[in-house]
Amino acid sequence: MAITRSRNGLEVLLDAGRTVFHQGRDRVQDALARSKVYRATYYELSMLTDRDLSDLGIPRSDIRRLALEAAYGS
């Protein structure tokens, strides 16, 4: 035997509010994680010497672009 429970409008509204809140929180957490990847990549590459970058085939002017690609995709 199944037990069902009817939901009033307030419960439906609260559930919708929770969903919106959690989606917003997830977007903020994702943005913070991507920002952390960008900063770490940018810092690591900018700390390399010109010779190290040359060995890797990376011009110093591409560091920002590479960090953006690492964090946000191409």
N, C-alpha and C. Protein backbone atom coordinates (compact mmCIF):
# COMPACT_ATOMS: atom_id res chain seq x y z
N MET A 1 0.84 -1.16 0.00
CA MET A 1 0.00 0.00 0.00
C MET A 1 0.89 1.23 0.00
N ALA A 2 0.60 2.14 -0.88
CA ALA A 2 1.38 3.37 -1.00
C ALA A 2 0.71 4.47 -0.20
N ILE A 3 1.53 5.24 0.43
CA ILE A 3 1.02 6.38 1.19
C ILE A 3 1.39 7.64 0.41
N THR A 4 0.40 8.44 0.14
CA THR A 4 0.66 9.69 -0.57
C THR A 4 0.38 10.85 0.36
N ARG A 5 1.02 11.93 0.05
CA ARG A 5 0.84 13.12 0.89
C ARG A 5 0.59 14.29 -0.04
N SER A 6 -0.48 14.96 0.17
CA SER A 6 -0.75 16.12 -0.68
C SER A 6 0.12 17.28 -0.19
N ARG A 7 0.50 18.09 -1.12
CA ARG A 7 1.37 19.22 -0.79
C ARG A 7 0.60 20.50 -1.03
N ASN A 8 0.69 21.39 -0.08
CA ASN A 8 0.01 22.66 -0.27
C ASN A 8 0.91 23.62 -1.05
N GLY A 9 0.38 24.75 -1.43
CA GLY A 9 1.11 25.71 -2.24
C GLY A 9 2.37 26.22 -1.59
N LEU A 10 2.35 26.38 -0.26
CA LEU A 10 3.53 26.88 0.45
C LEU A 10 4.69 25.89 0.35
N GLU A 11 4.40 24.60 0.51
CA GLU A 11 5.47 23.60 0.40
C GLU A 11 6.07 23.58 -0.99
N VAL A 12 5.22 23.71 -2.01
CA VAL A 12 5.71 23.74 -3.38
C VAL A 12 6.59 24.97 -3.60
N LEU A 13 6.14 26.11 -3.09
CA LEU A 13 6.91 27.35 -3.22
C LEU A 13 8.25 27.26 -2.49
N LEU A 14 8.26 26.68 -1.30
CA LEU A 14 9.51 26.53 -0.55
C LEU A 14 10.47 25.59 -1.28
N ASP A 15 9.95 24.50 -1.85
CA ASP A 15 10.80 23.59 -2.61
C ASP A 15 11.41 24.29 -3.82
N ALA A 16 10.61 25.10 -4.50
CA ALA A 16 11.12 25.84 -5.66
C ALA A 16 12.19 26.83 -5.22
N GLY A 17 11.98 27.48 -4.09
CA GLY A 17 12.98 28.42 -3.55
C GLY A 17 14.28 27.72 -3.21
N ARG A 18 14.16 26.55 -2.60
CA ARG A 18 15.37 25.78 -2.27
C ARG A 18 16.13 25.39 -3.53
N THR A 19 15.38 24.98 -4.56
CA THR A 19 16.01 24.60 -5.82
C THR A 19 16.77 25.78 -6.42
N VAL A 20 16.14 26.94 -6.46
CA VAL A 20 16.79 28.13 -7.01
C VAL A 20 18.03 28.48 -6.19
N PHE A 21 17.91 28.40 -4.87
CA PHE A 21 19.04 28.71 -3.99
C PHE A 21 20.21 27.76 -4.26
N HIS A 22 19.92 26.46 -4.33
CA HIS A 22 20.98 25.47 -4.54
C HIS A 22 21.62 25.61 -5.92
N GLN A 23 20.82 25.93 -6.93
CA GLN A 23 21.39 26.15 -8.26
C GLN A 23 22.31 27.36 -8.25
N GLY A 24 21.90 28.41 -7.58
CA GLY A 24 22.75 29.61 -7.48
C GLY A 24 24.03 29.31 -6.73
N ARG A 25 23.91 28.56 -5.64
CA ARG A 25 25.09 28.19 -4.86
C ARG A 25 26.05 27.35 -5.70
N ASP A 26 25.50 26.42 -6.48
CA ASP A 26 26.34 25.58 -7.33
C ASP A 26 27.06 26.41 -8.39
N ARG A 27 26.37 27.42 -8.96
CA ARG A 27 27.01 28.28 -9.95
C ARG A 27 28.15 29.09 -9.33
N VAL A 28 27.95 29.57 -8.11
CA VAL A 28 29.00 30.34 -7.42
C VAL A 28 30.19 29.43 -7.12
N GLN A 29 29.93 28.22 -6.65
CA GLN A 29 31.03 27.29 -6.36
C GLN A 29 31.81 26.95 -7.63
N ASP A 30 31.10 26.75 -8.74
CA ASP A 30 31.76 26.47 -10.01
C ASP A 30 32.61 27.65 -10.45
N ALA A 31 32.08 28.86 -10.31
CA ALA A 31 32.83 30.06 -10.71
C ALA A 31 34.09 30.21 -9.85
N LEU A 32 33.98 29.94 -8.55
CA LEU A 32 35.14 30.03 -7.67
C LEU A 32 36.20 28.98 -8.02
N ALA A 33 35.75 27.78 -8.35
CA ALA A 33 36.70 26.72 -8.72
C ALA A 33 37.42 27.07 -10.02
N ARG A 34 36.68 27.60 -11.00
CA ARG A 34 37.31 27.98 -12.26
C ARG A 34 38.28 29.15 -12.06
N SER A 35 37.90 30.07 -11.21
CA SER A 35 38.78 31.21 -10.92
C SER A 35 40.07 30.74 -10.26
N LYS A 36 39.95 29.75 -9.40
CA LYS A 36 41.13 29.21 -8.73
C LYS A 36 42.07 28.54 -9.74
N VAL A 37 41.51 27.81 -10.70
CA VAL A 37 42.32 27.18 -11.74
C VAL A 37 43.01 28.25 -12.57
N TYR A 38 42.28 29.31 -12.93
CA TYR A 38 42.87 30.40 -13.72
C TYR A 38 44.04 31.03 -12.98
N ARG A 39 43.82 31.39 -11.72
CA ARG A 39 44.88 32.05 -10.95
C ARG A 39 46.10 31.16 -10.78
N ALA A 40 45.88 29.88 -10.50
CA ALA A 40 47.00 28.96 -10.30
C ALA A 40 47.79 28.78 -11.60
N THR A 41 47.08 28.61 -12.71
CA THR A 41 47.75 28.43 -13.99
C THR A 41 48.53 29.68 -14.37
N TYR A 42 47.89 30.84 -14.22
CA TYR A 42 48.55 32.10 -14.56
C TYR A 42 49.80 32.29 -13.70
N TYR A 43 49.68 32.04 -12.42
CA TYR A 43 50.82 32.21 -11.51
C TYR A 43 51.96 31.27 -11.88
N GLU A 44 51.63 30.00 -12.09
CA GLU A 44 52.67 29.01 -12.41
C GLU A 44 53.41 29.38 -13.70
N LEU A 45 52.67 29.76 -14.72
CA LEU A 45 53.32 30.11 -15.99
C LEU A 45 54.09 31.42 -15.87
N SER A 46 53.57 32.37 -15.14
CA SER A 46 54.26 33.66 -15.04
C SER A 46 55.54 33.55 -14.20
N MET A 47 55.66 32.53 -13.39
CA MET A 47 56.87 32.34 -12.59
C MET A 47 58.00 31.69 -13.39
N LEU A 48 57.67 31.13 -14.56
CA LEU A 48 58.71 30.52 -15.39
C LEU A 48 59.58 31.61 -16.03
N THR A 49 60.83 31.26 -16.24
CA THR A 49 61.73 32.21 -16.91
C THR A 49 61.41 32.23 -18.40
N ASP A 50 61.92 33.25 -19.08
CA ASP A 50 61.72 33.34 -20.52
C ASP A 50 62.32 32.12 -21.23
N ARG A 51 63.42 31.63 -20.71
CA ARG A 51 64.05 30.45 -21.31
C ARG A 51 63.17 29.21 -21.14
N ASP A 52 62.61 29.03 -19.93
CA ASP A 52 61.71 27.88 -19.71
C ASP A 52 60.50 27.97 -20.63
N LEU A 53 59.92 29.15 -20.74
CA LEU A 53 58.76 29.33 -21.63
C LEU A 53 59.14 29.05 -23.07
N SER A 54 60.32 29.49 -23.47
CA SER A 54 60.79 29.24 -24.83
C SER A 54 60.95 27.75 -25.08
N ASP A 55 61.48 27.03 -24.10
CA ASP A 55 61.62 25.58 -24.22
C ASP A 55 60.26 24.90 -24.41
N LEU A 56 59.24 25.45 -23.78
CA LEU A 56 57.89 24.90 -23.89
C LEU A 56 57.16 25.40 -25.14
N GLY A 57 57.75 26.38 -25.81
CA GLY A 57 57.11 26.93 -27.00
C GLY A 57 55.98 27.88 -26.68
N ILE A 58 56.08 28.54 -25.52
CA ILE A 58 55.03 29.46 -25.09
C ILE A 58 55.58 30.87 -25.02
N PRO A 59 55.05 31.78 -25.82
CA PRO A 59 55.46 33.17 -25.67
C PRO A 59 54.82 33.76 -24.40
N ARG A 60 55.52 34.64 -23.75
CA ARG A 60 55.01 35.22 -22.51
C ARG A 60 53.64 35.89 -22.71
N SER A 61 53.41 36.40 -23.91
CA SER A 61 52.14 37.08 -24.18
C SER A 61 50.96 36.11 -24.22
N ASP A 62 51.20 34.81 -24.29
CA ASP A 62 50.12 33.82 -24.33
C ASP A 62 49.73 33.28 -22.96
N ILE A 63 50.39 33.72 -21.91
CA ILE A 63 50.11 33.18 -20.59
C ILE A 63 48.65 33.40 -20.19
N ARG A 64 48.14 34.60 -20.40
CA ARG A 64 46.76 34.90 -20.02
C ARG A 64 45.79 34.00 -20.80
N ARG A 65 46.02 33.88 -22.11
CA ARG A 65 45.14 33.05 -22.94
C ARG A 65 45.17 31.60 -22.50
N LEU A 66 46.34 31.07 -22.20
CA LEU A 66 46.46 29.69 -21.76
C LEU A 66 45.77 29.46 -20.41
N ALA A 67 45.90 30.43 -19.52
CA ALA A 67 45.23 30.32 -18.22
C ALA A 67 43.71 30.35 -18.39
N LEU A 68 43.23 31.20 -19.28
CA LEU A 68 41.78 31.25 -19.55
C LEU A 68 41.30 29.94 -20.14
N GLU A 69 42.07 29.38 -21.07
CA GLU A 69 41.68 28.10 -21.67
C GLU A 69 41.68 26.98 -20.64
N ALA A 70 42.64 27.00 -19.73
CA ALA A 70 42.70 25.97 -18.69
C ALA A 70 41.48 26.04 -17.78
N ALA A 71 41.03 27.24 -17.49
CA ALA A 71 39.93 27.39 -16.55
C ALA A 71 38.56 27.33 -17.19
N TYR A 72 38.42 27.91 -18.36
CA TYR A 72 37.10 28.07 -18.96
C TYR A 72 36.92 27.34 -20.28
N GLY A 73 37.93 26.63 -20.72
CA GLY A 73 37.84 25.93 -22.00
C GLY A 73 38.18 26.88 -23.14
N SER A 74 38.16 26.38 -24.33
CA SER A 74 38.55 27.21 -25.48
C SER A 74 37.38 27.91 -26.03
